[in-house]
Amino acid sequence: MHIKGTTILAVKHKGKITVAGDGQVTLETTILKRGARKVRRLYNNEIIVGFAGATADAFTLFDRFDQKLEQYNGNLLRAAVELTKDWRTDRVLRHLEALMIAVSKDYSLIISGNGDVIEADDDVMAIGSGGPYAQAAARALVRHSNMTSTEIAKEAMKIAAEICIYTNDRITVEEIDVEAATKGEKNSKDKG
């Protein structure tokens, strides 16, 4: 599925995971909105999700995914698998055209309506029309710079915006501090 109209990028680097998304909403050859928020936090701010695709479809999926995360106590992988099952079999959901990136301290996934739940091979993944440009830029910056994950995500998104006509430079960024989340989890287990 090739989704036009956005770029979502996830970068895991130096103990943090950053998800960035541009703000452009495009209808055919017209920019309808420049400041859309395509990246959101779910499940007690522990999961970050970004979407590429039709806006109404994405909101439906955000809502359904949030319900799955609640149902499975924030288990991202299980919730993603269950969402894709519904997405493929539900009469309404199976017509939704979107892709999602979902990250937690433990997983970085691409989720599609084709039933795909794909874990990243490396610490960079991207979706949407500008995804390949953002992903290439981020990989180069991870390998050849001393930047943080957020700095890399912002710079890679700017580069994608310079190349992809469906991507702009109004970037929303959300970050998870993996080390802090892991320490917090360990501390709560030690107290219990």
Protein backbone atom coordinates (compact mmCIF):
# COMPACT_ATOMS: atom_id res chain seq x y z
CA MET A 1 0.00 0.00 0.00
CA HIS A 2 1.54 3.34 -1.02
CA ILE A 3 0.17 6.23 0.99
CA LYS A 4 0.61 9.73 -0.40
CA GLY A 5 0.33 12.79 1.73
CA THR A 6 2.59 12.46 4.72
CA THR A 7 5.82 11.34 6.31
CA ILE A 8 6.17 9.57 9.65
CA LEU A 9 9.62 8.67 10.98
CA ALA A 10 10.76 6.73 14.07
CA VAL A 11 14.35 6.87 15.31
CA LYS A 12 15.78 4.88 18.22
CA HIS A 13 19.16 6.28 19.24
CA LYS A 14 21.13 6.88 22.43
CA GLY A 15 18.48 5.52 24.79
CA LYS A 16 15.54 7.40 23.29
CA ILE A 17 12.90 6.77 20.66
CA THR A 18 11.54 9.71 18.71
CA VAL A 19 8.56 9.69 16.36
CA ALA A 20 8.15 12.66 14.04
CA GLY A 21 5.43 13.51 11.54
CA ASP A 22 4.84 16.36 9.17
CA GLY A 23 1.68 18.46 9.24
CA GLN A 24 0.57 18.58 5.61
CA VAL A 25 -2.83 17.30 4.53
CA THR A 26 -3.12 17.02 0.76
CA LEU A 27 -6.11 16.37 -1.47
CA GLU A 28 -4.92 15.49 -4.96
CA THR A 29 -2.84 18.56 -5.90
CA THR A 30 -4.06 20.94 -3.19
CA ILE A 31 -2.71 21.48 0.32
CA LEU A 32 -5.74 21.55 2.63
CA LYS A 33 -3.92 21.98 5.91
CA ARG A 34 -0.34 22.64 6.96
CA GLY A 35 -0.49 21.94 10.70
CA ALA A 36 -2.19 18.58 11.20
CA ARG A 37 -1.06 16.48 14.17
CA LYS A 38 -0.34 12.95 12.90
CA VAL A 39 1.66 11.77 15.88
CA ARG A 40 -0.06 10.98 19.20
CA ARG A 41 0.60 9.38 22.55
CA LEU A 42 -1.62 6.50 23.68
CA TYR A 43 -1.93 4.24 26.71
CA ASN A 44 -0.77 6.43 29.62
CA ASN A 45 1.72 8.21 27.30
CA GLU A 46 3.75 4.97 27.03
CA ILE A 47 3.04 4.35 23.31
CA ILE A 48 3.60 6.78 20.44
CA VAL A 49 1.67 6.28 17.21
CA GLY A 50 2.01 8.08 13.88
CA PHE A 51 -0.22 7.59 10.86
CA ALA A 52 -0.05 8.02 7.12
CA GLY A 53 -3.23 7.93 5.10
CA ALA A 54 -6.73 9.34 5.10
CA THR A 55 -7.33 11.47 8.19
CA ALA A 56 -10.75 10.08 9.12
CA ASP A 57 -9.41 6.55 8.69
CA ALA A 58 -6.47 7.34 10.95
CA PHE A 59 -8.69 8.71 13.72
CA THR A 60 -10.81 5.56 13.56
CA LEU A 61 -7.66 3.45 13.84
CA PHE A 62 -6.24 5.54 16.70
CA ASP A 63 -9.44 4.98 18.64
CA ARG A 64 -9.57 1.25 17.91
CA PHE A 65 -5.86 0.84 18.67
CA ASP A 66 -6.22 2.70 21.97
CA GLN A 67 -9.02 0.27 22.90
CA LYS A 68 -6.77 -2.69 22.06
CA LEU A 69 -3.94 -1.26 24.15
CA GLU A 70 -6.32 -0.90 27.10
CA GLN A 71 -7.63 -4.43 26.56
CA TYR A 72 -4.10 -5.90 26.54
CA ASN A 73 -2.65 -3.68 29.33
CA GLY A 74 -0.32 -1.74 27.05
CA ASN A 75 1.23 -4.81 25.39
CA LEU A 76 2.05 -3.12 22.09
CA LEU A 77 2.82 -6.26 20.09
CA ARG A 78 -0.33 -8.09 21.18
CA ALA A 79 -2.53 -5.01 20.62
CA ALA A 80 -1.02 -4.51 17.14
CA VAL A 81 -1.65 -8.12 16.13
CA GLU A 82 -5.24 -7.97 17.39
CA LEU A 83 -5.82 -4.63 15.60
CA THR A 84 -4.62 -6.08 12.28
CA LYS A 85 -6.94 -9.06 12.71
CA ASP A 86 -9.88 -6.68 13.12
CA TRP A 87 -8.60 -4.44 10.35
CA ARG A 88 -8.59 -7.34 7.89
CA THR A 89 -11.90 -8.91 8.88
CA ASP A 90 -14.20 -6.07 9.99
CA ARG A 91 -16.50 -4.86 7.16
CA VAL A 92 -15.87 -1.19 7.95
CA LEU A 93 -12.23 -1.31 9.02
CA ARG A 94 -10.98 -3.31 6.04
CA HIS A 95 -11.75 -0.34 3.76
CA LEU A 96 -9.56 2.04 5.78
CA GLU A 97 -6.46 3.19 3.96
CA ALA A 98 -3.68 4.01 6.37
CA LEU A 99 -0.38 2.83 7.74
CA MET A 100 0.77 3.30 11.30
CA ILE A 101 4.06 3.39 13.14
CA ALA A 102 3.75 2.46 16.81
CA VAL A 103 6.61 2.50 19.32
CA SER A 104 7.09 1.71 22.98
CA LYS A 105 10.19 1.23 25.07
CA ASP A 106 10.25 -2.39 23.86
CA TYR A 107 8.97 -2.37 20.25
CA SER A 108 9.03 -0.33 17.05
CA LEU A 109 6.35 -1.54 14.63
CA ILE A 110 4.79 -0.72 11.27
CA ILE A 111 1.14 -1.78 11.20
CA SER A 112 -0.98 -2.10 8.05
CA GLY A 113 -4.48 -3.14 7.06
CA ASN A 114 -3.03 -6.00 5.03
CA GLY A 115 -2.38 -7.78 8.31
CA ASP A 116 1.24 -6.71 8.56
CA VAL A 117 2.89 -6.10 11.91
CA ILE A 118 6.51 -5.44 10.98
CA GLU A 119 9.24 -4.93 13.54
CA ALA A 120 12.09 -2.70 12.41
CA ASP A 121 15.36 -4.34 11.30
CA ASP A 122 17.33 -1.43 12.60
CA ASP A 123 16.67 1.64 14.69
CA VAL A 124 15.07 3.72 11.92
CA MET A 125 11.76 3.21 10.14
CA ALA A 126 9.43 5.43 8.13
CA ILE A 127 6.12 5.38 6.28
CA GLY A 128 4.29 7.65 3.85
CA SER A 129 5.26 9.34 0.64
CA GLY A 130 8.34 11.03 2.13
CA GLY A 131 9.25 7.97 4.19
CA PRO A 132 12.13 6.70 2.04
CA TYR A 133 13.79 10.15 2.05
CA ALA A 134 13.39 10.61 5.82
CA GLN A 135 14.58 7.07 6.50
CA ALA A 136 17.70 7.44 4.34
CA ALA A 137 18.58 10.78 5.92
CA ALA A 138 18.01 9.44 9.45
CA ARG A 139 20.14 6.35 8.83
CA ALA A 140 23.01 8.50 7.59
CA LEU A 141 22.70 10.83 10.59
CA VAL A 142 22.60 7.91 13.06
CA ARG A 143 25.76 6.47 11.53
CA HIS A 144 27.71 9.67 10.97
CA SER A 145 26.73 12.22 13.60
CA ASN A 146 26.61 12.73 17.33
CA MET A 147 23.03 14.02 17.30
CA THR A 148 20.22 12.89 19.63
CA SER A 149 17.28 10.87 18.30
CA THR A 150 15.09 13.99 18.32
CA GLU A 151 17.68 16.09 16.50
CA ILE A 152 18.08 13.31 13.91
CA ALA A 153 14.31 12.97 13.44
CA LYS A 154 13.81 16.72 12.98
CA GLU A 155 16.70 17.05 10.51
CA ALA A 156 15.65 13.97 8.52
CA MET A 157 12.07 15.28 8.32
CA LYS A 158 13.35 18.65 7.06
CA ILE A 159 15.31 16.84 4.35
CA ALA A 160 12.22 14.82 3.36
CA ALA A 161 10.19 18.04 3.19
CA GLU A 162 12.73 19.48 0.74
CA ILE A 163 12.21 16.50 -1.60
CA CYS A 164 8.63 15.21 -1.18
CA ILE A 165 5.81 17.48 -2.36
CA TYR A 166 3.38 15.75 0.03
CA THR A 167 5.52 16.56 3.12
CA ASN A 168 6.05 19.88 4.87
CA ASP A 169 8.37 21.18 7.57
CA ARG A 170 5.72 21.65 10.30
CA ILE A 171 6.90 18.74 12.35
CA THR A 172 5.29 17.16 15.41
CA VAL A 173 7.75 15.26 17.60
CA GLU A 174 7.15 12.89 20.51
CA GLU A 175 9.89 11.10 22.45
CA ILE A 176 10.19 8.15 24.84
CA ASP A 177 13.18 7.97 27.18
CA VAL A 178 13.79 4.21 27.07
CA GLU A 179 16.33 4.23 29.87
CA ALA A 180 14.07 6.21 32.23
CA ALA A 181 11.05 4.00 31.41
CA THR A 182 13.09 0.86 32.05
CA LYS A 183 14.46 2.24 35.35
CA GLY A 184 10.96 3.25 36.45
CA GLU A 185 9.67 -0.24 35.65
CA LYS A 186 12.57 -1.84 37.55
CA ASN A 187 12.01 0.44 40.58
CA SER A 188 8.30 -0.41 40.73
CA LYS A 189 9.13 -4.16 40.59
CA ASP A 190 11.73 -3.75 43.37
CA LYS A 191 9.12 -2.03 45.60
CA GLY A 192 6.52 -4.75 44.89
